N, C-alpha and C. Protein backbone atom coordinates (compact mmCIF):
# COMPACT_ATOMS: atom_id res chain seq x y z
N MET A 1 71.77 124.26 108.11
CA MET A 1 72.17 122.98 107.49
C MET A 1 72.27 123.16 106.00
N MET A 2 73.30 122.56 105.40
CA MET A 2 73.48 122.71 103.95
C MET A 2 72.52 121.82 103.18
N GLU A 3 71.96 122.42 102.13
CA GLU A 3 71.02 121.66 101.25
C GLU A 3 71.90 120.70 100.41
N ARG A 4 71.27 119.62 99.99
CA ARG A 4 71.99 118.64 99.19
C ARG A 4 72.42 119.23 97.82
N ARG A 5 71.67 120.08 97.21
CA ARG A 5 72.15 120.67 95.98
C ARG A 5 73.35 121.57 96.15
N ASP A 6 73.39 122.32 97.29
CA ASP A 6 74.56 123.15 97.60
C ASP A 6 75.84 122.25 97.84
N LEU A 7 75.62 121.14 98.47
CA LEU A 7 76.72 120.19 98.72
C LEU A 7 77.27 119.69 97.38
N PHE A 8 76.35 119.33 96.46
CA PHE A 8 76.85 118.83 95.19
C PHE A 8 77.59 119.96 94.35
N LYS A 9 77.19 121.21 94.50
CA LYS A 9 77.85 122.28 93.87
C LYS A 9 79.28 122.44 94.39
N VAL A 10 79.36 122.37 95.68
CA VAL A 10 80.71 122.45 96.34
C VAL A 10 81.59 121.30 95.90
N LEU A 11 81.09 120.11 95.97
CA LEU A 11 81.86 118.94 95.53
C LEU A 11 82.26 118.99 94.13
N GLY A 12 81.33 119.41 93.23
CA GLY A 12 81.62 119.55 91.78
C GLY A 12 82.74 120.56 91.54
N ALA A 13 82.65 121.69 92.23
CA ALA A 13 83.60 122.75 92.02
C ALA A 13 85.04 122.26 92.52
N THR A 14 85.01 121.48 93.62
CA THR A 14 86.23 120.87 94.13
C THR A 14 86.87 119.95 93.14
N LEU A 15 86.05 119.05 92.58
CA LEU A 15 86.58 118.11 91.60
C LEU A 15 87.16 118.81 90.39
N ILE A 16 86.47 119.87 89.86
CA ILE A 16 86.99 120.65 88.78
C ILE A 16 88.30 121.36 89.10
N ALA A 17 88.36 121.89 90.30
CA ALA A 17 89.61 122.64 90.68
C ALA A 17 90.73 121.70 90.83
N VAL A 18 90.51 120.52 91.38
CA VAL A 18 91.57 119.51 91.52
C VAL A 18 92.04 119.04 90.13
N ARG A 19 91.03 118.77 89.24
CA ARG A 19 91.40 118.30 87.90
C ARG A 19 92.19 119.32 87.09
N ASP A 20 91.80 120.60 87.27
CA ASP A 20 92.43 121.71 86.51
C ASP A 20 93.70 122.25 87.25
N GLY A 21 94.02 121.74 88.38
CA GLY A 21 95.20 122.17 89.09
C GLY A 21 94.92 123.48 89.89
N ALA A 22 93.75 123.94 89.93
CA ALA A 22 93.44 125.16 90.70
C ALA A 22 93.54 124.99 92.15
N ALA A 23 93.55 123.74 92.64
CA ALA A 23 93.68 123.48 94.05
C ALA A 23 95.09 123.74 94.53
N GLN A 24 96.04 123.80 93.59
CA GLN A 24 97.40 124.11 93.93
C GLN A 24 97.51 125.62 94.05
N HIS A 25 98.05 126.06 95.09
CA HIS A 25 98.22 127.54 95.24
C HIS A 25 99.60 127.76 95.97
N GLY A 26 100.12 128.93 95.69
CA GLY A 26 101.36 129.30 96.30
C GLY A 26 101.18 129.76 97.76
N HIS A 27 102.14 129.61 98.52
CA HIS A 27 102.14 130.09 99.93
C HIS A 27 103.16 131.14 100.05
N THR A 28 102.89 132.20 100.75
CA THR A 28 103.90 133.19 101.01
C THR A 28 104.73 132.67 102.13
N ALA A 29 105.93 133.10 102.16
CA ALA A 29 106.84 132.64 103.25
C ALA A 29 106.35 133.14 104.62
N SER A 30 106.50 132.28 105.65
CA SER A 30 106.10 132.72 106.93
C SER A 30 107.14 133.61 107.55
N ALA A 31 106.84 134.25 108.57
CA ALA A 31 107.80 135.17 109.27
C ALA A 31 109.02 134.40 109.70
N VAL A 32 110.15 134.91 109.35
CA VAL A 32 111.40 134.31 109.70
C VAL A 32 111.95 134.93 110.96
N VAL A 33 112.34 134.11 111.99
CA VAL A 33 112.88 134.66 113.18
C VAL A 33 114.40 134.89 112.96
N ASP A 34 114.89 136.02 113.33
CA ASP A 34 116.31 136.32 113.24
C ASP A 34 116.94 135.70 114.51
N ILE A 35 117.34 134.45 114.39
CA ILE A 35 117.82 133.75 115.56
C ILE A 35 119.14 134.31 116.12
N GLN A 36 119.95 134.93 115.29
CA GLN A 36 121.19 135.46 115.72
C GLN A 36 121.02 136.68 116.64
N ASN A 37 119.94 137.42 116.44
CA ASN A 37 119.70 138.62 117.21
C ASN A 37 118.49 138.50 118.13
N TYR A 38 118.00 137.28 118.25
CA TYR A 38 116.82 136.98 119.09
C TYR A 38 117.16 137.25 120.57
N LYS A 39 116.30 137.85 121.28
CA LYS A 39 116.40 138.13 122.75
C LYS A 39 115.58 137.14 123.43
N PRO A 40 116.12 136.28 124.30
CA PRO A 40 115.38 135.20 124.94
C PRO A 40 114.24 135.77 125.81
N ARG A 41 113.11 135.03 125.84
CA ARG A 41 111.96 135.45 126.61
C ARG A 41 111.86 134.69 127.91
N PHE A 42 112.46 133.53 127.98
CA PHE A 42 112.43 132.73 129.20
C PHE A 42 113.82 132.79 129.94
N PHE A 43 114.85 132.44 129.26
CA PHE A 43 116.19 132.34 129.85
C PHE A 43 116.78 133.73 129.95
N SER A 44 117.70 133.85 130.94
CA SER A 44 118.52 135.08 131.00
C SER A 44 119.53 134.93 129.83
N ASP A 45 120.21 135.99 129.53
CA ASP A 45 121.22 135.97 128.40
C ASP A 45 122.25 134.87 128.67
N GLN A 46 122.74 134.82 129.92
CA GLN A 46 123.72 133.82 130.29
C GLN A 46 123.26 132.40 130.20
N GLU A 47 122.00 132.16 130.66
CA GLU A 47 121.38 130.85 130.47
C GLU A 47 121.19 130.46 129.05
N TYR A 48 120.80 131.48 128.20
CA TYR A 48 120.62 131.23 126.77
C TYR A 48 121.92 130.81 126.13
N GLN A 49 123.03 131.50 126.49
CA GLN A 49 124.33 131.09 125.97
C GLN A 49 124.69 129.69 126.40
N ALA A 50 124.37 129.33 127.65
CA ALA A 50 124.67 128.00 128.16
C ALA A 50 123.89 126.97 127.39
N ILE A 51 122.61 127.19 127.12
CA ILE A 51 121.77 126.27 126.38
C ILE A 51 122.30 126.08 124.99
N ASP A 52 122.76 127.21 124.36
CA ASP A 52 123.30 127.15 123.02
C ASP A 52 124.55 126.26 123.02
N ALA A 53 125.45 126.49 123.97
CA ALA A 53 126.70 125.64 124.02
C ALA A 53 126.38 124.22 124.29
N LEU A 54 125.47 123.90 125.22
CA LEU A 54 125.13 122.55 125.56
C LEU A 54 124.54 121.80 124.40
N THR A 55 123.52 122.39 123.72
CA THR A 55 122.88 121.74 122.64
C THR A 55 123.83 121.49 121.49
N ASP A 56 124.74 122.43 121.24
CA ASP A 56 125.71 122.23 120.18
C ASP A 56 126.78 121.17 120.49
N ILE A 57 126.98 120.94 121.74
CA ILE A 57 127.89 119.80 122.11
C ILE A 57 127.12 118.46 121.92
N ILE A 58 125.81 118.48 122.24
CA ILE A 58 125.00 117.26 122.08
C ILE A 58 124.84 116.92 120.57
N ILE A 59 124.53 117.97 119.77
CA ILE A 59 124.37 117.78 118.30
C ILE A 59 125.31 118.75 117.59
N PRO A 60 126.59 118.32 117.39
CA PRO A 60 127.56 119.17 116.72
C PRO A 60 127.38 119.14 115.14
N ALA A 61 127.87 120.07 114.49
CA ALA A 61 127.80 120.04 113.00
C ALA A 61 128.73 118.90 112.50
N ASP A 62 128.33 118.33 111.38
CA ASP A 62 129.19 117.31 110.77
C ASP A 62 129.00 117.42 109.22
N ASP A 63 129.53 116.44 108.51
CA ASP A 63 129.52 116.47 107.04
C ASP A 63 128.13 116.34 106.51
N GLN A 64 127.18 115.75 107.32
CA GLN A 64 125.83 115.53 106.84
C GLN A 64 124.90 116.67 107.00
N SER A 65 125.09 117.45 108.15
CA SER A 65 124.14 118.51 108.46
C SER A 65 124.76 119.43 109.51
N PRO A 66 124.14 120.64 109.59
CA PRO A 66 124.61 121.59 110.61
C PRO A 66 124.24 121.11 112.03
N GLY A 67 124.86 121.72 112.95
CA GLY A 67 124.63 121.34 114.39
C GLY A 67 123.43 122.08 114.99
N ALA A 68 123.28 121.91 116.23
CA ALA A 68 122.15 122.47 117.01
C ALA A 68 122.16 124.02 116.96
N HIS A 69 123.38 124.57 116.99
CA HIS A 69 123.44 126.02 116.99
C HIS A 69 122.87 126.57 115.65
N ALA A 70 123.32 126.08 114.56
CA ALA A 70 122.88 126.52 113.25
C ALA A 70 121.38 126.27 113.05
N ALA A 71 120.86 125.17 113.66
CA ALA A 71 119.47 124.83 113.55
C ALA A 71 118.56 125.64 114.41
N GLY A 72 119.14 126.45 115.33
CA GLY A 72 118.31 127.31 116.17
C GLY A 72 117.64 126.56 117.34
N VAL A 73 118.27 125.50 117.82
CA VAL A 73 117.69 124.68 118.90
C VAL A 73 117.43 125.54 120.14
N ARG A 74 118.33 126.45 120.40
CA ARG A 74 118.24 127.32 121.61
C ARG A 74 116.92 128.13 121.56
N PHE A 75 116.59 128.62 120.36
CA PHE A 75 115.37 129.38 120.16
C PHE A 75 114.11 128.58 120.48
N TYR A 76 114.12 127.34 119.91
CA TYR A 76 112.98 126.41 120.19
C TYR A 76 112.77 126.18 121.70
N ILE A 77 113.88 125.87 122.36
CA ILE A 77 113.74 125.54 123.80
C ILE A 77 113.28 126.80 124.52
N ASP A 78 113.82 127.92 124.29
CA ASP A 78 113.40 129.12 124.96
C ASP A 78 111.92 129.42 124.69
N SER A 79 111.48 129.20 123.42
CA SER A 79 110.11 129.47 123.12
C SER A 79 109.15 128.49 123.84
N VAL A 80 109.50 127.24 123.82
CA VAL A 80 108.68 126.19 124.52
C VAL A 80 108.59 126.56 126.04
N LEU A 81 109.71 126.91 126.60
CA LEU A 81 109.69 127.10 128.11
C LEU A 81 109.03 128.47 128.43
N HIS A 82 109.04 129.44 127.45
CA HIS A 82 108.36 130.70 127.67
C HIS A 82 106.84 130.48 127.92
N TYR A 83 106.29 129.48 127.22
CA TYR A 83 104.83 129.20 127.34
C TYR A 83 104.61 128.03 128.32
N ALA A 84 105.60 127.42 128.88
CA ALA A 84 105.40 126.27 129.79
C ALA A 84 104.94 126.77 131.14
N GLY A 85 104.46 125.80 131.92
CA GLY A 85 104.00 126.13 133.31
C GLY A 85 105.21 126.28 134.18
N PRO A 86 104.93 126.63 135.48
CA PRO A 86 105.99 126.91 136.47
C PRO A 86 106.89 125.68 136.73
N GLU A 87 106.28 124.53 136.72
CA GLU A 87 107.09 123.31 137.11
C GLU A 87 108.21 123.00 136.14
N PRO A 88 107.96 122.91 134.81
CA PRO A 88 109.02 122.71 133.86
C PRO A 88 110.05 123.91 133.85
N GLN A 89 109.50 125.08 133.98
CA GLN A 89 110.41 126.30 134.04
C GLN A 89 111.39 126.16 135.19
N GLU A 90 110.89 125.73 136.37
CA GLU A 90 111.78 125.59 137.52
C GLU A 90 112.81 124.50 137.29
N LEU A 91 112.40 123.42 136.68
CA LEU A 91 113.32 122.31 136.37
C LEU A 91 114.51 122.79 135.53
N TRP A 92 114.22 123.66 134.53
CA TRP A 92 115.29 124.17 133.68
C TRP A 92 116.19 125.13 134.39
N HIS A 93 115.61 126.09 135.12
CA HIS A 93 116.44 127.02 135.94
C HIS A 93 117.28 126.30 136.95
N SER A 94 116.72 125.28 137.59
CA SER A 94 117.44 124.53 138.61
C SER A 94 118.53 123.72 137.97
N GLY A 95 118.31 123.11 136.81
CA GLY A 95 119.25 122.33 136.12
C GLY A 95 120.48 123.18 135.69
N LEU A 96 120.15 124.33 135.16
CA LEU A 96 121.24 125.23 134.75
C LEU A 96 122.03 125.76 135.96
N ALA A 97 121.34 126.04 137.08
CA ALA A 97 122.06 126.45 138.33
C ALA A 97 122.99 125.34 138.82
N THR A 98 122.46 124.11 138.80
CA THR A 98 123.27 122.93 139.26
C THR A 98 124.50 122.76 138.29
N LEU A 99 124.28 122.95 137.04
CA LEU A 99 125.39 122.84 136.05
C LEU A 99 126.43 123.94 136.35
N ASP A 100 125.99 125.12 136.65
CA ASP A 100 126.93 126.24 136.97
C ASP A 100 127.70 125.92 138.22
N GLU A 101 127.03 125.35 139.24
CA GLU A 101 127.69 124.95 140.54
C GLU A 101 128.74 123.91 140.22
N SER A 102 128.43 122.95 139.40
CA SER A 102 129.36 121.89 139.06
C SER A 102 130.56 122.43 138.36
N ALA A 103 130.36 123.42 137.39
CA ALA A 103 131.45 124.08 136.71
C ALA A 103 132.36 124.82 137.69
N ARG A 104 131.74 125.51 138.67
CA ARG A 104 132.55 126.24 139.61
C ARG A 104 133.33 125.31 140.55
N ALA A 105 132.76 124.16 140.92
CA ALA A 105 133.43 123.24 141.77
C ALA A 105 134.64 122.59 140.99
N GLN A 106 134.38 122.29 139.72
CA GLN A 106 135.41 121.61 138.98
C GLN A 106 136.51 122.51 138.31
N PHE A 107 136.03 123.72 137.87
CA PHE A 107 136.97 124.57 137.17
C PHE A 107 137.11 125.98 137.73
N GLY A 108 136.40 126.27 138.79
CA GLY A 108 136.53 127.59 139.45
C GLY A 108 135.88 128.70 138.74
N LYS A 109 134.96 128.38 137.76
CA LYS A 109 134.23 129.50 137.00
C LYS A 109 132.93 128.86 136.54
N GLY A 110 131.97 129.79 136.23
CA GLY A 110 130.70 129.40 135.74
C GLY A 110 130.75 128.68 134.37
N PHE A 111 129.74 128.00 134.00
CA PHE A 111 129.67 127.21 132.82
C PHE A 111 130.01 128.04 131.54
N THR A 112 129.42 129.19 131.41
CA THR A 112 129.66 129.97 130.22
C THR A 112 131.07 130.51 130.10
N ALA A 113 131.75 130.62 131.19
CA ALA A 113 133.12 131.08 131.19
C ALA A 113 134.13 129.90 130.86
N CYS A 114 133.69 128.71 130.91
CA CYS A 114 134.54 127.59 130.66
C CYS A 114 134.95 127.49 129.16
N SER A 115 136.09 126.84 128.91
CA SER A 115 136.51 126.57 127.58
C SER A 115 135.63 125.48 126.96
N LEU A 116 135.72 125.30 125.63
CA LEU A 116 134.94 124.26 124.95
C LEU A 116 135.27 122.91 125.53
N GLN A 117 136.56 122.70 125.74
CA GLN A 117 136.97 121.37 126.32
C GLN A 117 136.42 121.18 127.72
N GLU A 118 136.36 122.21 128.55
CA GLU A 118 135.79 122.07 129.87
C GLU A 118 134.30 121.81 129.77
N LYS A 119 133.65 122.51 128.88
CA LYS A 119 132.20 122.30 128.72
C LYS A 119 131.94 120.88 128.24
N GLU A 120 132.69 120.39 127.34
CA GLU A 120 132.52 118.95 126.89
C GLU A 120 132.73 118.02 128.05
N GLN A 121 133.70 118.28 128.91
CA GLN A 121 133.91 117.46 130.13
C GLN A 121 132.73 117.45 131.01
N LEU A 122 132.10 118.56 131.21
CA LEU A 122 130.86 118.70 132.04
C LEU A 122 129.70 117.96 131.41
N VAL A 123 129.54 118.07 130.10
CA VAL A 123 128.49 117.27 129.42
C VAL A 123 128.75 115.77 129.58
N ALA A 124 129.94 115.39 129.46
CA ALA A 124 130.31 113.95 129.63
C ALA A 124 129.98 113.47 131.01
N LEU A 125 130.29 114.38 132.00
CA LEU A 125 129.96 114.04 133.40
C LEU A 125 128.48 113.91 133.60
N MET A 126 127.71 114.79 132.93
CA MET A 126 126.22 114.71 133.04
C MET A 126 125.68 113.44 132.40
N ALA A 127 126.33 113.00 131.35
CA ALA A 127 125.85 111.86 130.53
C ALA A 127 126.39 110.56 131.04
N ARG A 128 127.27 110.54 131.93
CA ARG A 128 127.96 109.25 132.31
C ARG A 128 127.00 108.18 132.85
N ASN A 129 125.98 108.53 133.52
CA ASN A 129 124.97 107.56 134.01
C ASN A 129 123.61 107.76 133.33
N GLU A 130 123.64 107.89 132.05
CA GLU A 130 122.46 108.22 131.25
C GLU A 130 121.38 107.15 131.43
N LYS A 131 121.76 105.89 131.54
CA LYS A 131 120.80 104.79 131.66
C LYS A 131 120.15 104.82 133.06
N ALA A 132 120.91 105.22 134.03
CA ALA A 132 120.40 105.24 135.44
C ALA A 132 120.95 106.46 136.16
N PRO A 133 120.36 107.66 135.88
CA PRO A 133 120.88 108.89 136.51
C PRO A 133 120.74 108.82 138.06
N SER A 134 121.80 109.30 138.66
CA SER A 134 121.80 109.19 140.15
C SER A 134 121.76 110.51 140.86
N ASN A 135 121.85 111.68 140.14
CA ASN A 135 121.77 112.95 140.83
C ASN A 135 120.98 113.91 139.97
N GLU A 136 120.72 115.10 140.50
CA GLU A 136 119.93 116.09 139.81
C GLU A 136 120.49 116.50 138.41
N LEU A 137 121.80 116.66 138.37
CA LEU A 137 122.40 117.02 137.12
C LEU A 137 122.29 115.99 136.02
N GLU A 138 122.44 114.71 136.41
CA GLU A 138 122.26 113.65 135.46
C GLU A 138 120.82 113.48 135.02
N ARG A 139 119.88 113.72 135.93
CA ARG A 139 118.47 113.63 135.58
C ARG A 139 118.10 114.82 134.66
N TRP A 140 118.66 116.00 134.87
CA TRP A 140 118.44 117.16 134.07
C TRP A 140 118.96 116.93 132.67
N PHE A 141 120.14 116.28 132.58
CA PHE A 141 120.74 116.01 131.27
C PHE A 141 119.73 115.19 130.38
N GLU A 142 119.03 114.28 130.95
CA GLU A 142 118.02 113.55 130.18
C GLU A 142 117.04 114.45 129.58
N LEU A 143 116.54 115.34 130.28
CA LEU A 143 115.54 116.37 129.80
C LEU A 143 116.16 117.26 128.79
N LEU A 144 117.43 117.72 129.00
CA LEU A 144 118.10 118.54 128.04
C LEU A 144 118.31 117.87 126.69
N LYS A 145 118.80 116.61 126.79
CA LYS A 145 119.04 115.87 125.52
C LYS A 145 117.75 115.61 124.72
N GLN A 146 116.68 115.22 125.49
CA GLN A 146 115.40 114.96 124.86
C GLN A 146 114.89 116.22 124.11
N MET A 147 114.95 117.41 124.80
CA MET A 147 114.44 118.60 124.16
C MET A 147 115.36 119.03 123.02
N THR A 148 116.61 118.80 123.12
CA THR A 148 117.61 119.10 122.09
C THR A 148 117.25 118.32 120.78
N VAL A 149 117.11 117.03 120.96
CA VAL A 149 116.80 116.18 119.80
C VAL A 149 115.42 116.57 119.17
N GLU A 150 114.43 116.80 120.02
CA GLU A 150 113.13 117.15 119.54
C GLU A 150 113.24 118.49 118.70
N ALA A 151 113.89 119.48 119.28
CA ALA A 151 114.06 120.74 118.59
C ALA A 151 114.80 120.55 117.28
N TYR A 152 115.82 119.73 117.24
CA TYR A 152 116.66 119.58 116.08
C TYR A 152 115.87 118.95 114.94
N VAL A 153 115.16 117.87 115.26
CA VAL A 153 114.44 117.14 114.20
C VAL A 153 113.23 117.96 113.73
N LEU A 154 112.75 118.90 114.47
CA LEU A 154 111.67 119.81 114.03
C LEU A 154 112.13 121.02 113.30
N SER A 155 113.47 121.24 113.35
CA SER A 155 114.03 122.43 112.64
C SER A 155 114.11 122.17 111.13
N ASP A 156 114.21 123.15 110.37
CA ASP A 156 114.37 123.01 108.90
C ASP A 156 115.64 122.20 108.60
N ALA A 157 116.75 122.59 109.27
CA ALA A 157 118.00 121.92 108.98
C ALA A 157 117.95 120.43 109.36
N GLY A 158 117.29 120.16 110.51
CA GLY A 158 117.18 118.77 110.99
C GLY A 158 116.26 117.94 110.07
N MET A 159 115.14 118.54 109.71
CA MET A 159 114.22 117.84 108.83
C MET A 159 114.77 117.57 107.40
N THR A 160 115.24 118.58 106.79
CA THR A 160 115.59 118.50 105.35
C THR A 160 117.01 118.04 105.18
N GLN A 161 117.97 118.49 105.94
CA GLN A 161 119.34 118.16 105.72
C GLN A 161 119.73 116.84 106.40
N TYR A 162 119.31 116.69 107.69
CA TYR A 162 119.64 115.49 108.42
C TYR A 162 118.78 114.30 108.12
N LEU A 163 117.48 114.55 108.18
CA LEU A 163 116.51 113.46 107.94
C LEU A 163 116.18 113.31 106.43
N GLY A 164 116.51 114.26 105.62
CA GLY A 164 116.28 114.13 104.19
C GLY A 164 114.79 114.29 103.72
N TYR A 165 113.97 114.94 104.59
CA TYR A 165 112.58 115.11 104.29
C TYR A 165 112.45 116.01 103.07
N LYS A 166 111.64 115.58 102.16
CA LYS A 166 111.42 116.32 100.90
C LYS A 166 109.91 116.73 100.70
N GLY A 167 109.15 116.53 101.75
CA GLY A 167 107.68 116.77 101.64
C GLY A 167 107.22 118.19 101.52
N ASN A 168 106.07 118.45 101.99
CA ASN A 168 105.38 119.70 102.00
C ASN A 168 105.04 120.14 100.64
N THR A 169 104.75 119.17 99.70
CA THR A 169 104.24 119.53 98.41
C THR A 169 102.98 118.72 98.14
N ALA A 170 102.01 119.33 97.60
CA ALA A 170 100.82 118.67 97.28
C ALA A 170 100.92 118.10 95.84
N ILE A 171 100.33 116.99 95.58
CA ILE A 171 100.38 116.39 94.21
C ILE A 171 98.98 116.25 93.74
N PRO A 172 98.66 116.60 92.51
CA PRO A 172 97.27 116.51 92.00
C PRO A 172 96.77 115.10 91.81
N GLU A 173 97.80 114.19 91.58
CA GLU A 173 97.41 112.81 91.28
C GLU A 173 98.47 111.88 91.83
N PHE A 174 98.02 110.75 92.42
CA PHE A 174 98.93 109.71 92.86
C PHE A 174 98.72 108.50 92.03
N ARG A 175 99.66 108.23 91.12
CA ARG A 175 99.51 107.12 90.21
C ARG A 175 99.77 105.73 90.80
N GLY A 176 100.35 105.66 91.93
CA GLY A 176 100.68 104.43 92.52
C GLY A 176 101.96 103.87 91.97
N CYS A 177 102.19 102.66 92.24
CA CYS A 177 103.41 101.94 91.82
C CYS A 177 103.40 101.76 90.29
N THR A 178 104.48 102.08 89.59
CA THR A 178 104.54 101.86 88.13
C THR A 178 105.46 100.72 87.77
N HIS A 179 106.02 100.01 88.71
CA HIS A 179 106.85 98.88 88.40
C HIS A 179 105.96 97.74 87.67
N PRO A 180 106.42 97.26 86.52
CA PRO A 180 105.64 96.26 85.83
C PRO A 180 105.30 94.98 86.61
N GLU A 181 106.25 94.58 87.43
CA GLU A 181 106.06 93.35 88.24
C GLU A 181 104.98 93.49 89.29
N HIS A 182 104.67 94.73 89.64
CA HIS A 182 103.63 94.99 90.62
C HIS A 182 102.30 95.27 89.93
N GLN A 183 102.27 95.43 88.70
CA GLN A 183 100.97 95.68 87.92
C GLN A 183 100.16 94.45 87.66
N ALA A 184 100.83 93.26 87.81
CA ALA A 184 100.18 91.96 87.47
C ALA A 184 99.17 91.54 88.57
N ILE A 185 99.14 92.22 89.63
CA ILE A 185 98.28 91.75 90.73
C ILE A 185 96.79 92.01 90.48
């Protein structure tokens, strides 16, 4: 158990460090994942390509921010599912298999072999009953969309460029509101 005098020494040193700015310290950059050359750990290469195409259709690039592809959404989903249990993993494999079957039924080829326009038509088919999904593919789309949005807003591009987040900086002092009309209180 810490003695009272030791506690006061720690608190005093902390106050001095904060006052003098010593509490501010630089952080080295964390390891950066090379998303372009990343080898999926959960998905097969073909499934990984399908997830990349699907997520980029759901969140395409626009004037405000990059799309899901540039944000690395596929990497996030693969990483989450790599550590997930067997039940969610099976849902994703099953959903992708059902999507591939749907692509073969509609266009005579697997999803990854489809053109962008055909892929967009399949996504529209999956999303048509979004409020009340009636089949496995429509239910899986809800999961896909939810995970895509989650991954995007947690990405650097989603946070900083799309949401405009400017945080992650410590400030030594918070002066509060400086508007004169608010100082009269």
